[in-house]
Amino acid sequence: MAAARETTTPSTIKPLEGAIVQRFTAGAAIEPGELVCMQSDGKIDPAIGTSVAAAQCLGVALCPKNQGTAYADGDVVDVVTYGRVLCLTGATVGALIYVSDTAGEPAESAGTKTSIVGIATSASVLFVRPQASALS
């Protein structure tokens, strides 16, 4: 199996009991379930494994409260920064989940810059525990 972001029903992307959710301001379009990173302007963008700064994942963007399909630049985004979140499809239980070289998308293999987001606890649940690392 290969982990992917749940895109069929964005409203199902939600934190599970005990998850820590924090709010950030979007600096770009962000879809529910995308992995996000902090930019130098203090806003968040989709994380991507092709650069050191953009591979440092903060967590997983949740579905907008208004049940829209995405956030726009300047919107307030709820992000699971630690804990379990229902956001994956097809993940291998126990597999590490990484930032991929496709913006915002999780993967079971590392992008160009290795950045671990967490571990799949089921085919659809990611335990978010980002690991800051000295990427090069």
N, C-alpha and C. Protein backbone atom coordinates (compact mmCIF):
# COMPACT_ATOMS: atom_id res chain seq x y z
N MET A 1 0.84 -1.18 0.00
CA MET A 1 0.00 0.00 0.00
C MET A 1 0.88 1.24 0.00
N ALA A 2 0.35 2.33 -0.48
CA ALA A 2 1.08 3.60 -0.48
C ALA A 2 0.18 4.67 0.11
N ALA A 3 0.71 5.37 1.09
CA ALA A 3 -0.07 6.42 1.75
C ALA A 3 -0.33 7.57 0.79
N ALA A 4 -1.51 8.15 0.91
CA ALA A 4 -1.88 9.33 0.15
C ALA A 4 -2.81 10.17 1.03
N ARG A 5 -2.95 11.42 0.68
CA ARG A 5 -3.86 12.31 1.40
C ARG A 5 -5.29 12.02 0.99
N GLU A 6 -6.18 11.99 1.96
CA GLU A 6 -7.60 11.80 1.68
C GLU A 6 -8.09 13.02 0.90
N THR A 7 -8.55 12.81 -0.31
CA THR A 7 -9.05 13.93 -1.13
C THR A 7 -10.49 13.74 -1.56
N THR A 8 -11.03 12.53 -1.39
CA THR A 8 -12.39 12.24 -1.83
C THR A 8 -13.43 13.00 -1.01
N THR A 9 -13.27 13.00 0.31
CA THR A 9 -14.22 13.65 1.20
C THR A 9 -13.46 14.50 2.21
N PRO A 10 -13.09 15.74 1.84
CA PRO A 10 -12.29 16.59 2.73
C PRO A 10 -12.91 16.81 4.10
N SER A 11 -14.24 16.76 4.22
CA SER A 11 -14.88 17.00 5.50
C SER A 11 -14.59 15.89 6.51
N THR A 12 -14.06 14.74 6.05
CA THR A 12 -13.72 13.66 6.98
C THR A 12 -12.36 13.86 7.62
N ILE A 13 -11.59 14.82 7.16
CA ILE A 13 -10.27 15.09 7.73
C ILE A 13 -10.49 15.81 9.05
N LYS A 14 -10.15 15.10 10.15
CA LYS A 14 -10.43 15.68 11.46
C LYS A 14 -9.47 15.15 12.50
N PRO A 15 -9.28 15.93 13.57
CA PRO A 15 -8.42 15.48 14.67
C PRO A 15 -9.15 14.42 15.48
N LEU A 16 -8.39 13.51 16.06
CA LEU A 16 -8.96 12.50 16.93
C LEU A 16 -8.62 12.86 18.37
N GLU A 17 -9.21 12.17 19.32
CA GLU A 17 -9.07 12.49 20.73
C GLU A 17 -7.60 12.68 21.13
N GLY A 18 -7.34 13.77 21.82
CA GLY A 18 -6.00 14.06 22.33
C GLY A 18 -5.11 14.84 21.39
N ALA A 19 -5.56 15.08 20.16
CA ALA A 19 -4.74 15.81 19.20
C ALA A 19 -4.61 17.28 19.61
N ILE A 20 -3.46 17.86 19.35
CA ILE A 20 -3.23 19.28 19.62
C ILE A 20 -3.44 20.04 18.31
N VAL A 21 -4.34 21.02 18.36
CA VAL A 21 -4.67 21.83 17.18
C VAL A 21 -4.26 23.27 17.47
N GLN A 22 -3.51 23.87 16.54
CA GLN A 22 -3.11 25.26 16.66
C GLN A 22 -3.54 26.01 15.40
N ARG A 23 -3.65 27.32 15.54
CA ARG A 23 -4.08 28.15 14.41
C ARG A 23 -2.91 28.94 13.85
N PHE A 24 -2.89 29.01 12.52
CA PHE A 24 -1.87 29.75 11.79
C PHE A 24 -2.56 30.51 10.65
N THR A 25 -1.86 31.42 10.04
CA THR A 25 -2.37 32.17 8.90
C THR A 25 -1.78 31.60 7.62
N ALA A 26 -2.65 31.33 6.66
CA ALA A 26 -2.21 30.79 5.37
C ALA A 26 -1.47 31.84 4.57
N GLY A 27 -0.39 31.42 3.92
CA GLY A 27 0.36 32.30 3.03
C GLY A 27 0.16 31.91 1.58
N ALA A 28 -0.62 30.87 1.36
CA ALA A 28 -0.91 30.34 0.02
C ALA A 28 -2.17 29.50 0.12
N ALA A 29 -2.65 29.01 -1.00
CA ALA A 29 -3.80 28.10 -0.98
C ALA A 29 -3.39 26.81 -0.29
N ILE A 30 -4.23 26.35 0.64
CA ILE A 30 -3.97 25.12 1.39
C ILE A 30 -5.24 24.29 1.40
N GLU A 31 -5.12 23.02 1.05
CA GLU A 31 -6.26 22.11 1.03
C GLU A 31 -6.29 21.27 2.31
N PRO A 32 -7.48 20.82 2.72
CA PRO A 32 -7.58 19.95 3.89
C PRO A 32 -6.71 18.71 3.74
N GLY A 33 -6.00 18.36 4.82
CA GLY A 33 -5.15 17.18 4.80
C GLY A 33 -3.75 17.42 4.32
N GLU A 34 -3.48 18.61 3.78
CA GLU A 34 -2.12 18.89 3.32
C GLU A 34 -1.18 19.09 4.50
N LEU A 35 0.06 18.68 4.30
CA LEU A 35 1.12 18.94 5.27
C LEU A 35 1.54 20.39 5.08
N VAL A 36 1.78 21.10 6.19
CA VAL A 36 2.12 22.52 6.08
C VAL A 36 3.43 22.83 6.81
N CYS A 37 4.08 23.92 6.38
CA CYS A 37 5.34 24.36 6.98
C CYS A 37 5.28 25.87 7.19
N MET A 38 6.12 26.36 8.10
CA MET A 38 6.20 27.80 8.40
C MET A 38 7.15 28.47 7.41
N GLN A 39 6.72 29.63 6.91
CA GLN A 39 7.56 30.43 6.03
C GLN A 39 8.21 31.57 6.82
N SER A 40 9.17 32.23 6.25
CA SER A 40 9.89 33.30 6.95
C SER A 40 9.00 34.50 7.26
N ASP A 41 7.84 34.62 6.59
CA ASP A 41 6.93 35.73 6.87
C ASP A 41 5.95 35.39 8.00
N GLY A 42 6.10 34.20 8.61
CA GLY A 42 5.24 33.79 9.71
C GLY A 42 3.96 33.12 9.28
N LYS A 43 3.75 32.97 7.98
CA LYS A 43 2.57 32.29 7.46
C LYS A 43 2.93 30.86 7.09
N ILE A 44 1.90 30.04 6.87
CA ILE A 44 2.14 28.65 6.49
C ILE A 44 1.79 28.41 5.03
N ASP A 45 2.53 27.49 4.43
CA ASP A 45 2.33 27.06 3.05
C ASP A 45 2.35 25.53 3.05
N PRO A 46 1.91 24.91 1.95
CA PRO A 46 2.07 23.46 1.86
C PRO A 46 3.55 23.08 1.95
N ALA A 47 3.86 22.06 2.75
CA ALA A 47 5.24 21.58 2.89
C ALA A 47 5.64 20.82 1.63
N ILE A 48 6.93 20.90 1.29
CA ILE A 48 7.44 20.17 0.12
C ILE A 48 8.88 19.75 0.41
N GLY A 49 9.22 18.56 0.01
CA GLY A 49 10.52 17.99 0.31
C GLY A 49 11.66 18.42 -0.58
N THR A 50 11.47 19.41 -1.41
CA THR A 50 12.52 19.82 -2.33
C THR A 50 13.45 20.89 -1.79
N SER A 51 13.09 21.49 -0.64
CA SER A 51 13.99 22.48 -0.03
C SER A 51 14.00 22.28 1.48
N VAL A 52 15.09 22.67 2.12
CA VAL A 52 15.25 22.47 3.55
C VAL A 52 14.15 23.17 4.33
N ALA A 53 13.94 24.46 4.09
CA ALA A 53 12.95 25.22 4.87
C ALA A 53 11.53 24.70 4.66
N ALA A 54 11.18 24.40 3.44
CA ALA A 54 9.81 23.98 3.12
C ALA A 54 9.52 22.53 3.53
N ALA A 55 10.56 21.77 3.87
CA ALA A 55 10.36 20.37 4.28
C ALA A 55 10.12 20.25 5.78
N GLN A 56 10.31 21.32 6.53
CA GLN A 56 10.11 21.28 7.99
C GLN A 56 8.62 21.37 8.30
N CYS A 57 7.98 20.25 8.41
CA CYS A 57 6.53 20.17 8.57
C CYS A 57 6.07 20.55 9.98
N LEU A 58 5.02 21.39 10.04
CA LEU A 58 4.38 21.74 11.32
C LEU A 58 3.27 20.76 11.66
N GLY A 59 2.57 20.28 10.65
CA GLY A 59 1.45 19.39 10.90
C GLY A 59 0.53 19.28 9.70
N VAL A 60 -0.74 18.94 9.98
CA VAL A 60 -1.73 18.67 8.94
C VAL A 60 -2.88 19.68 9.02
N ALA A 61 -3.18 20.32 7.90
CA ALA A 61 -4.29 21.28 7.83
C ALA A 61 -5.63 20.53 7.90
N LEU A 62 -6.54 21.06 8.71
CA LEU A 62 -7.87 20.48 8.84
C LEU A 62 -8.82 21.10 7.82
N CYS A 63 -10.03 20.57 7.74
CA CYS A 63 -11.05 21.09 6.84
C CYS A 63 -11.53 22.45 7.36
N PRO A 64 -11.70 23.44 6.48
CA PRO A 64 -12.21 24.74 6.93
C PRO A 64 -13.55 24.59 7.65
N LYS A 65 -13.74 25.41 8.67
CA LYS A 65 -14.97 25.34 9.49
C LYS A 65 -16.23 25.54 8.64
N ASN A 66 -16.12 26.34 7.58
CA ASN A 66 -17.28 26.58 6.73
C ASN A 66 -17.50 25.46 5.72
N GLN A 67 -16.72 24.36 5.89
CA GLN A 67 -16.80 23.19 5.01
C GLN A 67 -16.45 23.52 3.57
N GLY A 68 -15.69 24.60 3.38
CA GLY A 68 -15.19 24.90 2.04
C GLY A 68 -14.16 23.86 1.65
N THR A 69 -13.66 23.98 0.46
CA THR A 69 -12.73 22.97 -0.03
C THR A 69 -11.27 23.34 0.18
N ALA A 70 -10.98 24.61 0.48
CA ALA A 70 -9.59 25.02 0.66
C ALA A 70 -9.51 26.35 1.40
N TYR A 71 -8.32 26.63 1.88
CA TYR A 71 -8.02 27.93 2.50
C TYR A 71 -7.34 28.79 1.45
N ALA A 72 -7.51 30.10 1.56
CA ALA A 72 -6.83 31.04 0.68
C ALA A 72 -5.79 31.82 1.48
N ASP A 73 -4.89 32.48 0.80
CA ASP A 73 -3.89 33.33 1.44
C ASP A 73 -4.59 34.28 2.42
N GLY A 74 -4.12 34.30 3.67
CA GLY A 74 -4.70 35.17 4.69
C GLY A 74 -5.74 34.52 5.57
N ASP A 75 -6.26 33.35 5.19
CA ASP A 75 -7.24 32.65 6.02
C ASP A 75 -6.57 32.07 7.27
N VAL A 76 -7.33 31.93 8.34
CA VAL A 76 -6.86 31.26 9.55
C VAL A 76 -7.06 29.76 9.36
N VAL A 77 -5.98 28.99 9.57
CA VAL A 77 -5.98 27.56 9.32
C VAL A 77 -5.79 26.80 10.62
N ASP A 78 -6.67 25.84 10.90
CA ASP A 78 -6.50 24.93 12.03
C ASP A 78 -5.58 23.80 11.58
N VAL A 79 -4.53 23.55 12.38
CA VAL A 79 -3.51 22.56 12.03
C VAL A 79 -3.29 21.61 13.20
N VAL A 80 -3.34 20.31 12.95
CA VAL A 80 -2.96 19.34 13.97
C VAL A 80 -1.44 19.33 14.01
N THR A 81 -0.89 19.76 15.15
CA THR A 81 0.57 19.83 15.28
C THR A 81 1.14 18.64 16.05
N TYR A 82 0.26 17.88 16.72
CA TYR A 82 0.70 16.67 17.43
C TYR A 82 -0.54 15.82 17.71
N GLY A 83 -0.40 14.53 17.50
CA GLY A 83 -1.49 13.62 17.81
C GLY A 83 -2.10 12.99 16.56
N ARG A 84 -3.19 12.27 16.79
CA ARG A 84 -3.81 11.50 15.71
C ARG A 84 -4.79 12.36 14.91
N VAL A 85 -4.70 12.20 13.59
CA VAL A 85 -5.61 12.90 12.69
C VAL A 85 -6.03 11.94 11.57
N LEU A 86 -7.31 11.95 11.28
CA LEU A 86 -7.86 11.15 10.18
C LEU A 86 -7.62 11.94 8.90
N CYS A 87 -6.68 11.48 8.08
CA CYS A 87 -6.32 12.28 6.89
C CYS A 87 -5.69 11.47 5.76
N LEU A 88 -5.45 10.19 5.99
CA LEU A 88 -4.75 9.38 4.99
C LEU A 88 -5.69 8.39 4.31
N THR A 89 -5.20 7.83 3.24
CA THR A 89 -5.86 6.71 2.59
C THR A 89 -4.76 5.77 2.11
N GLY A 90 -4.96 4.48 2.33
CA GLY A 90 -4.02 3.48 1.83
C GLY A 90 -2.69 3.39 2.52
N ALA A 91 -2.57 3.89 3.72
CA ALA A 91 -1.28 3.85 4.41
C ALA A 91 -1.00 2.46 4.97
N THR A 92 0.26 2.13 5.10
CA THR A 92 0.69 0.89 5.72
C THR A 92 0.82 1.12 7.22
N VAL A 93 0.13 0.33 8.02
CA VAL A 93 0.18 0.49 9.47
C VAL A 93 1.63 0.37 9.94
N GLY A 94 2.05 1.33 10.75
CA GLY A 94 3.41 1.34 11.27
C GLY A 94 4.43 2.03 10.39
N ALA A 95 4.04 2.44 9.21
CA ALA A 95 4.98 3.10 8.29
C ALA A 95 5.24 4.54 8.71
N LEU A 96 6.48 4.98 8.57
CA LEU A 96 6.79 6.39 8.76
C LEU A 96 6.16 7.17 7.60
N ILE A 97 5.67 8.35 7.91
CA ILE A 97 5.11 9.23 6.88
C ILE A 97 6.02 10.43 6.75
N TYR A 98 6.37 10.76 5.51
CA TYR A 98 7.32 11.82 5.21
C TYR A 98 6.68 12.94 4.40
N VAL A 99 7.36 14.08 4.35
CA VAL A 99 7.04 15.15 3.42
C VAL A 99 7.55 14.68 2.05
N SER A 100 6.71 14.74 1.04
CA SER A 100 7.12 14.29 -0.29
C SER A 100 7.58 15.47 -1.14
N ASP A 101 7.99 15.18 -2.36
CA ASP A 101 8.39 16.23 -3.29
C ASP A 101 7.20 16.83 -4.03
N THR A 102 5.99 16.44 -3.66
CA THR A 102 4.77 17.04 -4.18
C THR A 102 4.18 17.89 -3.05
N ALA A 103 4.03 19.17 -3.28
CA ALA A 103 3.61 20.12 -2.24
C ALA A 103 2.37 19.64 -1.48
N GLY A 104 2.52 19.57 -0.14
CA GLY A 104 1.42 19.23 0.73
C GLY A 104 1.12 17.75 0.90
N GLU A 105 1.70 16.93 0.07
CA GLU A 105 1.32 15.52 0.04
C GLU A 105 2.22 14.64 0.93
N PRO A 106 1.59 13.78 1.74
CA PRO A 106 2.35 12.83 2.54
C PRO A 106 2.79 11.65 1.69
N ALA A 107 3.83 10.93 2.15
CA ALA A 107 4.29 9.74 1.43
C ALA A 107 4.98 8.80 2.41
N GLU A 108 5.08 7.54 2.01
CA GLU A 108 5.80 6.56 2.81
C GLU A 108 7.27 6.51 2.46
N SER A 109 7.70 7.33 1.52
CA SER A 109 9.12 7.45 1.21
C SER A 109 9.47 8.94 1.25
N ALA A 110 10.69 9.22 1.64
CA ALA A 110 11.14 10.60 1.83
C ALA A 110 11.26 11.34 0.52
N GLY A 111 11.05 12.66 0.60
CA GLY A 111 11.31 13.53 -0.54
C GLY A 111 12.81 13.77 -0.66
N THR A 112 13.20 14.72 -1.47
CA THR A 112 14.61 15.05 -1.66
C THR A 112 15.28 15.38 -0.34
N LYS A 113 14.60 16.13 0.51
CA LYS A 113 15.06 16.45 1.86
C LYS A 113 14.22 15.63 2.82
N THR A 114 14.84 14.76 3.59
CA THR A 114 14.11 13.84 4.46
C THR A 114 13.54 14.57 5.67
N SER A 115 12.23 14.52 5.81
CA SER A 115 11.54 15.13 6.93
C SER A 115 10.38 14.24 7.35
N ILE A 116 10.46 13.68 8.56
CA ILE A 116 9.43 12.77 9.06
C ILE A 116 8.28 13.58 9.66
N VAL A 117 7.07 13.26 9.24
CA VAL A 117 5.86 13.92 9.75
C VAL A 117 5.30 13.14 10.93
N GLY A 118 5.33 11.81 10.85
CA GLY A 118 4.78 10.97 11.90
C GLY A 118 4.72 9.53 11.46
N ILE A 119 3.75 8.80 12.02
CA ILE A 119 3.62 7.38 11.74
C ILE A 119 2.15 7.04 11.48
N ALA A 120 1.93 6.14 10.53
CA ALA A 120 0.56 5.69 10.23
C ALA A 120 0.14 4.68 11.29
N THR A 121 -0.95 4.98 12.01
CA THR A 121 -1.45 4.04 13.02
C THR A 121 -2.58 3.19 12.46
N SER A 122 -3.07 3.53 11.29
CA SER A 122 -4.01 2.71 10.53
C SER A 122 -3.91 3.16 9.09
N ALA A 123 -4.69 2.58 8.21
CA ALA A 123 -4.65 2.97 6.80
C ALA A 123 -5.10 4.41 6.59
N SER A 124 -5.84 4.97 7.57
CA SER A 124 -6.39 6.31 7.40
C SER A 124 -5.97 7.32 8.48
N VAL A 125 -5.23 6.86 9.51
CA VAL A 125 -4.87 7.75 10.62
C VAL A 125 -3.36 7.96 10.68
N LEU A 126 -2.99 9.23 10.78
CA LEU A 126 -1.60 9.64 10.94
C LEU A 126 -1.40 10.15 12.36
N PHE A 127 -0.40 9.61 13.07
CA PHE A 127 -0.01 10.17 14.35
C PHE A 127 1.05 11.21 14.03
N VAL A 128 0.66 12.48 14.12
CA VAL A 128 1.55 13.59 13.78
C VAL A 128 2.54 13.80 14.92
N ARG A 129 3.80 13.74 14.60
CA ARG A 129 4.88 14.07 15.53
C ARG A 129 6.08 14.49 14.69
N PRO A 130 6.01 15.69 14.13
CA PRO A 130 7.07 16.16 13.24
C PRO A 130 8.43 16.12 13.93
N GLN A 131 9.42 15.73 13.17
CA GLN A 131 10.78 15.66 13.69
C GLN A 131 11.65 16.68 12.98
N ALA A 132 11.95 17.75 13.69
CA ALA A 132 12.86 18.76 13.13
C ALA A 132 14.22 18.11 12.99
N SER A 133 14.83 18.34 11.87
CA SER A 133 16.13 17.74 11.65
C SER A 133 17.04 18.72 10.92
N ALA A 134 18.31 18.47 11.01
CA ALA A 134 19.28 19.30 10.32
C ALA A 134 19.38 18.77 8.88
N LEU A 135 18.49 19.25 8.07
CA LEU A 135 18.45 18.79 6.67
C LEU A 135 19.53 19.48 5.88
N SER A 136 19.99 18.82 4.85
CA SER A 136 20.97 19.46 3.96
C SER A 136 20.66 19.12 2.53
